């Protein structure tokens, strides 16, 4: 199995892709390629909606660990399940 650090790099790459796409769109340099544009919108959904939907499960998993609910929510929003499901292995 991959190390938690390597797994957590995946959502970071997603956030970087979102940032690059937003900058490209704001500077009228968005790619014409439909696949790249579709991938960007899928990433928007996964990084915002799906990560946010994981917060209740993350709060339950982090109960009693000493992490604040706010810290747990922020880390889950950034890293998704790759944070709270791998925290024991880290």
PDB file of N, CA and C in Angstrom:
ATOM      1  N   UNK A   1       0.838  -1.186   0.000  1.00  0.00           N
ATOM      2  CA  UNK A   1       0.000   0.000   0.000  1.00  0.00           C
ATOM      3  C   UNK A   1       0.884   1.251   0.000  1.00  0.00           C
ATOM      4  N   UNK A   2       0.376   2.286  -0.621  1.00  0.00           N
ATOM      5  CA  UNK A   2       1.113   3.541  -0.664  1.00  0.00           C
ATOM      6  C   UNK A   2       1.163   4.179   0.712  1.00  0.00           C
ATOM      7  N   UNK A   3       2.209   4.933   0.949  1.00  0.00           N
ATOM      8  CA  UNK A   3       2.319   5.664   2.205  1.00  0.00           C
ATOM      9  C   UNK A   3       1.271   6.766   2.245  1.00  0.00           C
ATOM     10  N   UNK A   4       0.811   7.115   3.441  1.00  0.00           N
ATOM     11  CA  UNK A   4      -0.186   8.191   3.554  1.00  0.00           C
ATOM     12  C   UNK A   4       0.265   9.497   2.905  1.00  0.00           C
ATOM     13  N   UNK A   5       1.541   9.811   2.996  1.00  0.00           N
ATOM     14  CA  UNK A   5       2.034  11.050   2.389  1.00  0.00           C
ATOM     15  C   UNK A   5       1.844  11.024   0.876  1.00  0.00           C
ATOM     16  N   UNK A   6       2.121   9.888   0.260  1.00  0.00           N
ATOM     17  CA  UNK A   6       1.944   9.769  -1.191  1.00  0.00           C
ATOM     18  C   UNK A   6       0.458   9.854  -1.553  1.00  0.00           C
ATOM     19  N   UNK A   7      -0.397   9.219  -0.763  1.00  0.00           N
ATOM     20  CA  UNK A   7      -1.836   9.285  -1.019  1.00  0.00           C
ATOM     21  C   UNK A   7      -2.361  10.712  -0.876  1.00  0.00           C
ATOM     22  N   UNK A   8      -1.838  11.435   0.092  1.00  0.00           N
ATOM     23  CA  UNK A   8      -2.296  12.810   0.328  1.00  0.00           C
ATOM     24  C   UNK A   8      -1.809  13.773  -0.750  1.00  0.00           C
ATOM     25  N   UNK A   9      -0.838  13.368  -1.525  1.00  0.00           N
ATOM     26  CA  UNK A   9      -0.366  14.214  -2.632  1.00  0.00           C
ATOM     27  C   UNK A   9      -1.425  14.286  -3.738  1.00  0.00           C
ATOM     28  N   UNK A  10      -2.263  13.276  -3.852  1.00  0.00           N
ATOM     29  CA  UNK A  10      -3.271  13.240  -4.913  1.00  0.00           C
ATOM     30  C   UNK A  10      -4.253  14.406  -4.789  1.00  0.00           C
ATOM     31  N   UNK A  11      -4.857  14.648  -3.607  1.00  0.00           N
ATOM     32  CA  UNK A  11      -5.752  15.797  -3.520  1.00  0.00           C
ATOM     33  C   UNK A  11      -5.020  17.132  -3.680  1.00  0.00           C
ATOM     34  N   UNK A  12      -3.772  17.196  -3.262  1.00  0.00           N
ATOM     35  CA  UNK A  12      -3.005  18.436  -3.446  1.00  0.00           C
ATOM     36  C   UNK A  12      -2.827  18.705  -4.940  1.00  0.00           C
ATOM     37  N   UNK A  13      -2.533  17.666  -5.701  1.00  0.00           N
ATOM     38  CA  UNK A  13      -2.425  17.831  -7.155  1.00  0.00           C
ATOM     39  C   UNK A  13      -3.766  18.283  -7.743  1.00  0.00           C
ATOM     40  N   UNK A  14      -4.854  17.769  -7.195  1.00  0.00           N
ATOM     41  CA  UNK A  14      -6.178  18.198  -7.640  1.00  0.00           C
ATOM     42  C   UNK A  14      -6.414  19.675  -7.366  1.00  0.00           C
ATOM     43  N   UNK A  15      -6.052  20.133  -6.175  1.00  0.00           N
ATOM     44  CA  UNK A  15      -6.207  21.556  -5.842  1.00  0.00           C
ATOM     45  C   UNK A  15      -5.316  22.420  -6.735  1.00  0.00           C
ATOM     46  N   UNK A  16      -4.122  21.943  -7.053  1.00  0.00           N
ATOM     47  CA  UNK A  16      -3.239  22.692  -7.959  1.00  0.00           C
ATOM     48  C   UNK A  16      -3.847  22.772  -9.359  1.00  0.00           C
ATOM     49  N   UNK A  17      -4.457  21.682  -9.812  1.00  0.00           N
ATOM     50  CA  UNK A  17      -5.127  21.675 -11.117  1.00  0.00           C
ATOM     51  C   UNK A  17      -6.291  22.660 -11.124  1.00  0.00           C
ATOM     52  N   UNK A  18      -7.049  22.694 -10.035  1.00  0.00           N
ATOM     53  CA  UNK A  18      -8.150  23.653  -9.935  1.00  0.00           C
ATOM     54  C   UNK A  18      -7.638  25.087  -9.987  1.00  0.00           C
ATOM     55  N   UNK A  19      -6.572  25.348  -9.266  1.00  0.00           N
ATOM     56  CA  UNK A  19      -5.995  26.697  -9.246  1.00  0.00           C
ATOM     57  C   UNK A  19      -5.487  27.093 -10.624  1.00  0.00           C
ATOM     58  N   UNK A  20      -4.764  26.190 -11.275  1.00  0.00           N
ATOM     59  CA  UNK A  20      -4.242  26.485 -12.615  1.00  0.00           C
ATOM     60  C   UNK A  20      -5.386  26.719 -13.601  1.00  0.00           C
ATOM     61  N   UNK A  21      -6.433  25.922 -13.501  1.00  0.00           N
ATOM     62  CA  UNK A  21      -7.581  26.094 -14.389  1.00  0.00           C
ATOM     63  C   UNK A  21      -8.308  27.408 -14.152  1.00  0.00           C
ATOM     64  N   UNK A  22      -8.424  27.792 -12.887  1.00  0.00           N
ATOM     65  CA  UNK A  22      -9.072  29.062 -12.570  1.00  0.00           C
ATOM     66  C   UNK A  22      -8.261  30.237 -13.104  1.00  0.00           C
ATOM     67  N   UNK A  23      -6.953  30.169 -12.909  1.00  0.00           N
ATOM     68  CA  UNK A  23      -6.075  31.232 -13.433  1.00  0.00           C
ATOM     69  C   UNK A  23      -6.172  31.290 -14.954  1.00  0.00           C
ATOM     70  N   UNK A  24      -6.163  30.131 -15.592  1.00  0.00           N
ATOM     71  CA  UNK A  24      -6.273  30.086 -17.060  1.00  0.00           C
ATOM     72  C   UNK A  24      -7.594  30.702 -17.524  1.00  0.00           C
ATOM     73  N   UNK A  25      -8.669  30.378 -16.828  1.00  0.00           N
ATOM     74  CA  UNK A  25      -9.983  30.921 -17.218  1.00  0.00           C
ATOM     75  C   UNK A  25     -10.033  32.432 -17.009  1.00  0.00           C
ATOM     76  N   UNK A  26      -9.468  32.900 -15.912  1.00  0.00           N
ATOM     77  CA  UNK A  26      -9.494  34.341 -15.617  1.00  0.00           C
ATOM     78  C   UNK A  26      -8.631  35.162 -16.569  1.00  0.00           C
ATOM     79  N   UNK A  27      -7.648  34.514 -17.178  1.00  0.00           N
ATOM     80  CA  UNK A  27      -6.771  35.207 -18.123  1.00  0.00           C
ATOM     81  C   UNK A  27      -7.112  34.856 -19.571  1.00  0.00           C
ATOM     82  N   UNK A  28      -8.314  34.338 -19.792  1.00  0.00           N
ATOM     83  CA  UNK A  28      -8.786  33.944 -21.128  1.00  0.00           C
ATOM     84  C   UNK A  28      -7.845  32.967 -21.825  1.00  0.00           C
ATOM     85  N   UNK A  29      -7.277  32.036 -21.049  1.00  0.00           N
ATOM     86  CA  UNK A  29      -6.388  31.026 -21.617  1.00  0.00           C
ATOM     87  C   UNK A  29      -6.879  29.617 -21.285  1.00  0.00           C
ATOM     88  N   UNK A  30      -8.170  29.490 -21.034  1.00  0.00           N
ATOM     89  CA  UNK A  30      -8.724  28.173 -20.727  1.00  0.00           C
ATOM     90  C   UNK A  30      -8.515  27.252 -21.929  1.00  0.00           C
ATOM     91  N   UNK A  31      -8.190  26.005 -21.677  1.00  0.00           N
ATOM     92  CA  UNK A  31      -7.959  25.088 -22.793  1.00  0.00           C
ATOM     93  C   UNK A  31      -9.234  24.830 -23.584  1.00  0.00           C
ATOM     94  N   UNK A  32      -9.084  24.659 -24.867  1.00  0.00           N
ATOM     95  CA  UNK A  32     -10.219  24.345 -25.734  1.00  0.00           C
ATOM     96  C   UNK A  32     -10.572  22.861 -25.652  1.00  0.00           C
ATOM     97  N   UNK A  33      -9.652  22.053 -25.178  1.00  0.00           N
ATOM     98  CA  UNK A  33      -9.846  20.610 -25.098  1.00  0.00           C
ATOM     99  C   UNK A  33     -10.973  20.279 -24.123  1.00  0.00           C
ATOM    100  N   UNK A  34     -12.005  19.606 -24.624  1.00  0.00           N
ATOM    101  CA  UNK A  34     -13.169  19.287 -23.806  1.00  0.00           C
ATOM    102  C   UNK A  34     -12.836  18.331 -22.671  1.00  0.00           C
ATOM    103  N   UNK A  35     -11.906  17.424 -22.907  1.00  0.00           N
ATOM    104  CA  UNK A  35     -11.524  16.464 -21.874  1.00  0.00           C
ATOM    105  C   UNK A  35     -10.872  17.181 -20.686  1.00  0.00           C
ATOM    106  N   UNK A  36      -9.987  18.137 -20.962  1.00  0.00           N
ATOM    107  CA  UNK A  36      -9.348  18.895 -19.883  1.00  0.00           C
ATOM    108  C   UNK A  36     -10.373  19.722 -19.110  1.00  0.00           C
ATOM    109  N   UNK A  37     -11.307  20.295 -19.838  1.00  0.00           N
ATOM    110  CA  UNK A  37     -12.346  21.093 -19.180  1.00  0.00           C
ATOM    111  C   UNK A  37     -13.263  20.205 -18.335  1.00  0.00           C
ATOM    112  N   UNK A  38     -13.617  19.047 -18.851  1.00  0.00           N
ATOM    113  CA  UNK A  38     -14.461  18.107 -18.099  1.00  0.00           C
ATOM    114  C   UNK A  38     -13.729  17.620 -16.850  1.00  0.00           C
ATOM    115  N   UNK A  39     -12.441  17.314 -16.996  1.00  0.00           N
ATOM    116  CA  UNK A  39     -11.647  16.877 -15.846  1.00  0.00           C
ATOM    117  C   UNK A  39     -11.610  17.957 -14.769  1.00  0.00           C
ATOM    118  N   UNK A  40     -11.546  19.219 -15.193  1.00  0.00           N
ATOM    119  CA  UNK A  40     -11.519  20.323 -14.241  1.00  0.00           C
ATOM    120  C   UNK A  40     -12.833  20.374 -13.456  1.00  0.00           C
ATOM    121  N   UNK A  41     -13.957  20.257 -14.159  1.00  0.00           N
ATOM    122  CA  UNK A  41     -15.256  20.309 -13.476  1.00  0.00           C
ATOM    123  C   UNK A  41     -15.465  19.100 -12.570  1.00  0.00           C
ATOM    124  N   UNK A  42     -14.993  17.953 -12.979  1.00  0.00           N
ATOM    125  CA  UNK A  42     -15.061  16.765 -12.122  1.00  0.00           C
ATOM    126  C   UNK A  42     -14.236  16.998 -10.867  1.00  0.00           C
ATOM    127  N   UNK A  43     -13.054  17.578 -11.030  1.00  0.00           N
ATOM    128  CA  UNK A  43     -12.190  17.884  -9.897  1.00  0.00           C
ATOM    129  C   UNK A  43     -12.852  18.896  -8.961  1.00  0.00           C
ATOM    130  N   UNK A  44     -13.538  19.881  -9.525  1.00  0.00           N
ATOM    131  CA  UNK A  44     -14.277  20.849  -8.690  1.00  0.00           C
ATOM    132  C   UNK A  44     -15.272  20.098  -7.812  1.00  0.00           C
ATOM    133  N   UNK A  45     -16.031  19.206  -8.414  1.00  0.00           N
ATOM    134  CA  UNK A  45     -17.046  18.448  -7.670  1.00  0.00           C
ATOM    135  C   UNK A  45     -16.406  17.581  -6.588  1.00  0.00           C
ATOM    136  N   UNK A  46     -15.365  16.834  -6.961  1.00  0.00           N
ATOM    137  CA  UNK A  46     -14.719  15.943  -5.997  1.00  0.00           C
ATOM    138  C   UNK A  46     -14.060  16.711  -4.853  1.00  0.00           C
ATOM    139  N   UNK A  47     -13.387  17.797  -5.185  1.00  0.00           N
ATOM    140  CA  UNK A  47     -12.631  18.542  -4.174  1.00  0.00           C
ATOM    141  C   UNK A  47     -13.514  19.374  -3.255  1.00  0.00           C
ATOM    142  N   UNK A  48     -14.672  19.759  -3.717  1.00  0.00           N
ATOM    143  CA  UNK A  48     -15.531  20.594  -2.876  1.00  0.00           C
ATOM    144  C   UNK A  48     -16.685  19.787  -2.292  1.00  0.00           C
ATOM    145  N   UNK A  49     -17.528  19.247  -3.130  1.00  0.00           N
ATOM    146  CA  UNK A  49     -18.729  18.562  -2.654  1.00  0.00           C
ATOM    147  C   UNK A  49     -18.399  17.244  -1.953  1.00  0.00           C
ATOM    148  N   UNK A  50     -17.598  16.408  -2.588  1.00  0.00           N
ATOM    149  CA  UNK A  50     -17.318  15.084  -2.011  1.00  0.00           C
ATOM    150  C   UNK A  50     -16.479  15.209  -0.746  1.00  0.00           C
ATOM    151  N   UNK A  51     -15.471  16.071  -0.754  1.00  0.00           N
ATOM    152  CA  UNK A  51     -14.673  16.256   0.464  1.00  0.00           C
ATOM    153  C   UNK A  51     -15.547  16.798   1.595  1.00  0.00           C
ATOM    154  N   UNK A  52     -16.417  17.746   1.301  1.00  0.00           N
ATOM    155  CA  UNK A  52     -17.302  18.293   2.332  1.00  0.00           C
ATOM    156  C   UNK A  52     -18.249  17.222   2.869  1.00  0.00           C
ATOM    157  N   UNK A  53     -18.709  16.338   2.002  1.00  0.00           N
ATOM    158  CA  UNK A  53     -19.614  15.266   2.427  1.00  0.00           C
ATOM    159  C   UNK A  53     -18.916  14.269   3.350  1.00  0.00           C
ATOM    160  N   UNK A  54     -17.591  14.217   3.312  1.00  0.00           N
ATOM    161  CA  UNK A  54     -16.832  13.298   4.158  1.00  0.00           C
ATOM    162  C   UNK A  54     -16.587  13.849   5.560  1.00  0.00           C
ATOM    163  N   UNK A  55     -16.876  15.112   5.786  1.00  0.00           N
ATOM    164  CA  UNK A  55     -16.577  15.733   7.078  1.00  0.00           C
ATOM    165  C   UNK A  55     -17.297  15.051   8.241  1.00  0.00           C
ATOM    166  N   UNK A  56     -18.594  14.731   8.148  1.00  0.00           N
ATOM    167  CA  UNK A  56     -19.226  14.048   9.292  1.00  0.00           C
ATOM    168  C   UNK A  56     -18.537  12.724   9.665  1.00  0.00           C
ATOM    169  N   UNK A  57     -18.161  11.928   8.681  1.00  0.00           N
ATOM    170  CA  UNK A  57     -17.459  10.666   8.962  1.00  0.00           C
ATOM    171  C   UNK A  57     -16.091  10.939   9.573  1.00  0.00           C
ATOM    172  N   UNK A  58     -15.428  11.969   9.088  1.00  0.00           N
ATOM    173  CA  UNK A  58     -14.109  12.324   9.632  1.00  0.00           C
ATOM    174  C   UNK A  58     -14.222  12.773  11.078  1.00  0.00           C
ATOM    175  N   UNK A  59     -15.257  13.527  11.402  1.00  0.00           N
ATOM    176  CA  UNK A  59     -15.457  13.972  12.785  1.00  0.00           C
ATOM    177  C   UNK A  59     -15.676  12.778  13.708  1.00  0.00           C
ATOM    178  N   UNK A  60     -16.441  11.804  13.250  1.00  0.00           N
ATOM    179  CA  UNK A  60     -16.641  10.584  14.048  1.00  0.00           C
ATOM    180  C   UNK A  60     -15.324   9.825  14.208  1.00  0.00           C
ATOM    181  N   UNK A  61     -14.550   9.722  13.123  1.00  0.00           N
ATOM    182  CA  UNK A  61     -13.283   8.984  13.175  1.00  0.00           C
ATOM    183  C   UNK A  61     -12.256   9.685  14.055  1.00  0.00           C
ATOM    184  N   UNK A  62     -12.330  11.009  14.118  1.00  0.00           N
ATOM    185  CA  UNK A  62     -11.341  11.770  14.896  1.00  0.00           C
ATOM    186  C   UNK A  62     -11.760  11.991  16.339  1.00  0.00           C
ATOM    187  N   UNK A  63     -12.947  11.561  16.700  1.00  0.00           N
ATOM    188  CA  UNK A  63     -13.414  11.742  18.072  1.00  0.00           C
ATOM    189  C   UNK A  63     -12.448  11.073  19.042  1.00  0.00           C
ATOM    190  N   UNK A  64     -12.055  11.820  20.053  1.00  0.00           N
ATOM    191  CA  UNK A  64     -11.155  11.286  21.071  1.00  0.00           C
ATOM    192  C   UNK A  64      -9.688  11.284  20.696  1.00  0.00           C
ATOM    193  N   UNK A  65      -9.336  11.884  19.571  1.00  0.00           N
ATOM    194  CA  UNK A  65      -7.932  11.906  19.158  1.00  0.00           C
ATOM    195  C   UNK A  65      -7.209  13.168  19.597  1.00  0.00           C
ATOM    196  N   UNK A  66      -7.958  14.135  20.117  1.00  0.00           N
ATOM    197  CA  UNK A  66      -7.335  15.386  20.529  1.00  0.00           C
ATOM    198  C   UNK A  66      -7.354  16.461  19.454  1.00  0.00           C
ATOM    199  N   UNK A  67      -7.755  16.126  18.254  1.00  0.00           N
ATOM    200  CA  UNK A  67      -7.866  17.132  17.190  1.00  0.00           C
ATOM    201  C   UNK A  67      -9.181  17.867  17.355  1.00  0.00           C
ATOM    202  N   UNK A  68      -9.144  19.163  17.116  1.00  0.00           N
ATOM    203  CA  UNK A  68     -10.378  19.947  17.208  1.00  0.00           C
ATOM    204  C   UNK A  68     -11.266  19.625  16.014  1.00  0.00           C
ATOM    205  N   UNK A  69     -12.563  19.800  16.178  1.00  0.00           N
ATOM    206  CA  UNK A  69     -13.469  19.575  15.046  1.00  0.00           C
ATOM    207  C   UNK A  69     -13.149  20.483  13.854  1.00  0.00           C
ATOM    208  N   UNK A  70     -12.723  21.707  14.126  1.00  0.00           N
ATOM    209  CA  UNK A  70     -12.388  22.629  13.031  1.00  0.00           C
ATOM    210  C   UNK A  70     -11.172  22.115  12.272  1.00  0.00           C
ATOM    211  N   UNK A  71     -10.146  21.690  12.993  1.00  0.00           N
ATOM    212  CA  UNK A  71      -8.944  21.151  12.349  1.00  0.00           C
ATOM    213  C   UNK A  71      -9.286  19.911  11.527  1.00  0.00           C
ATOM    214  N   UNK A  72     -10.113  19.049  12.083  1.00  0.00           N
ATOM    215  CA  UNK A  72     -10.541  17.849  11.364  1.00  0.00           C
ATOM    216  C   UNK A  72     -11.297  18.217  10.094  1.00  0.00           C
ATOM    217  N   UNK A  73     -12.207  19.180  10.191  1.00  0.00           N
ATOM    218  CA  UNK A  73     -12.985  19.596   9.020  1.00  0.00           C
ATOM    219  C   UNK A  73     -12.089  20.194   7.949  1.00  0.00           C
ATOM    220  N   UNK A  74     -11.148  21.047   8.340  1.00  0.00           N
ATOM    221  CA  UNK A  74     -10.255  21.678   7.358  1.00  0.00           C
ATOM    222  C   UNK A  74      -9.368  20.634   6.685  1.00  0.00           C
ATOM    223  N   UNK A  75      -8.778  19.755   7.472  1.00  0.00           N
ATOM    224  CA  UNK A  75      -7.912  18.719   6.893  1.00  0.00           C
ATOM    225  C   UNK A  75      -8.700  17.791   5.962  1.00  0.00           C
ATOM    226  N   UNK A  76      -9.939  17.492   6.319  1.00  0.00           N
ATOM    227  CA  UNK A  76     -10.773  16.650   5.465  1.00  0.00           C
ATOM    228  C   UNK A  76     -11.146  17.391   4.189  1.00  0.00           C
ATOM    229  N   UNK A  77     -11.443  18.680   4.283  1.00  0.00           N
ATOM    230  CA  UNK A  77     -11.778  19.441   3.080  1.00  0.00           C
ATOM    231  C   UNK A  77     -10.590  19.500   2.125  1.00  0.00           C
ATOM    232  N   UNK A  78      -9.389  19.608   2.668  1.00  0.00           N
ATOM    233  CA  UNK A  78      -8.197  19.677   1.817  1.00  0.00           C
ATOM    234  C   UNK A  78      -7.804  18.303   1.285  1.00  0.00           C
ATOM    235  N   UNK A  79      -7.756  17.314   2.160  1.00  0.00           N
ATOM    236  CA  UNK A  79      -7.229  16.001   1.787  1.00  0.00           C
ATOM    237  C   UNK A  79      -8.288  14.926   1.566  1.00  0.00           C
ATOM    238  N   UNK A  80      -9.524  15.174   1.960  1.00  0.00           N
ATOM    239  CA  UNK A  80     -10.556  14.158   1.824  1.00  0.00           C
ATOM    240  C   UNK A  80     -10.262  12.943   2.680  1.00  0.00           C
ATOM    241  N   UNK A  81     -10.741  11.807   2.241  1.00  0.00           N
ATOM    242  CA  UNK A  81     -10.567  10.565   2.995  1.00  0.00           C
ATOM    243  C   UNK A  81      -9.108  10.161   3.117  1.00  0.00           C
ATOM    244  N   UNK A  82      -8.253  10.703   2.251  1.00  0.00           N
ATOM    245  CA  UNK A  82      -6.831  10.346   2.365  1.00  0.00           C
ATOM    246  C   UNK A  82      -6.230  10.897   3.641  1.00  0.00           C
ATOM    247  N   UNK A  83      -6.906  11.813   4.306  1.00  0.00           N
ATOM    248  CA  UNK A  83      -6.416  12.259   5.618  1.00  0.00           C
ATOM    249  C   UNK A  83      -6.981  11.402   6.723  1.00  0.00           C
ATOM    250  N   UNK A  84      -8.305  11.350   6.842  1.00  0.00           N
ATOM    251  CA  UNK A  84      -8.860  10.702   8.035  1.00  0.00           C
ATOM    252  C   UNK A  84      -8.816   9.184   7.999  1.00  0.00           C
ATOM    253  N   UNK A  85      -8.775   8.576   6.826  1.00  0.00           N
ATOM    254  CA  UNK A  85      -8.690   7.102   6.787  1.00  0.00           C
ATOM    255  C   UNK A  85      -7.269   6.603   6.963  1.00  0.00           C
ATOM    256  N   UNK A  86      -6.281   7.460   6.781  1.00  0.00           N
ATOM    257  CA  UNK A  86      -4.879   7.019   6.884  1.00  0.00           C
ATOM    258  C   UNK A  86      -4.168   7.639   8.075  1.00  0.00           C
ATOM    259  N   UNK A  87      -4.862   8.347   8.944  1.00  0.00           N
ATOM    260  CA  UNK A  87      -4.178   9.048  10.026  1.00  0.00           C
ATOM    261  C   UNK A  87      -3.486   8.104  11.003  1.00  0.00           C
ATOM    262  N   UNK A  88      -4.028   6.878  11.201  1.00  0.00           N
ATOM    263  CA  UNK A  88      -3.360   5.931  12.085  1.00  0.00           C
ATOM    264  C   UNK A  88      -2.020   5.457  11.497  1.00  0.00           C
ATOM    265  N   UNK A  89      -1.976   5.339  10.171  1.00  0.00           N
ATOM    266  CA  UNK A  89      -0.767   4.833   9.510  1.00  0.00           C
ATOM    267  C   UNK A  89       0.312   5.897   9.414  1.00  0.00           C
ATOM    268  N   UNK A  90      -0.070   7.154   9.546  1.00  0.00           N
ATOM    269  CA  UNK A  90       0.896   8.246   9.377  1.00  0.00           C
ATOM    270  C   UNK A  90       1.868   8.320  10.535  1.00  0.00           C
TER     271      UNK A  90
END
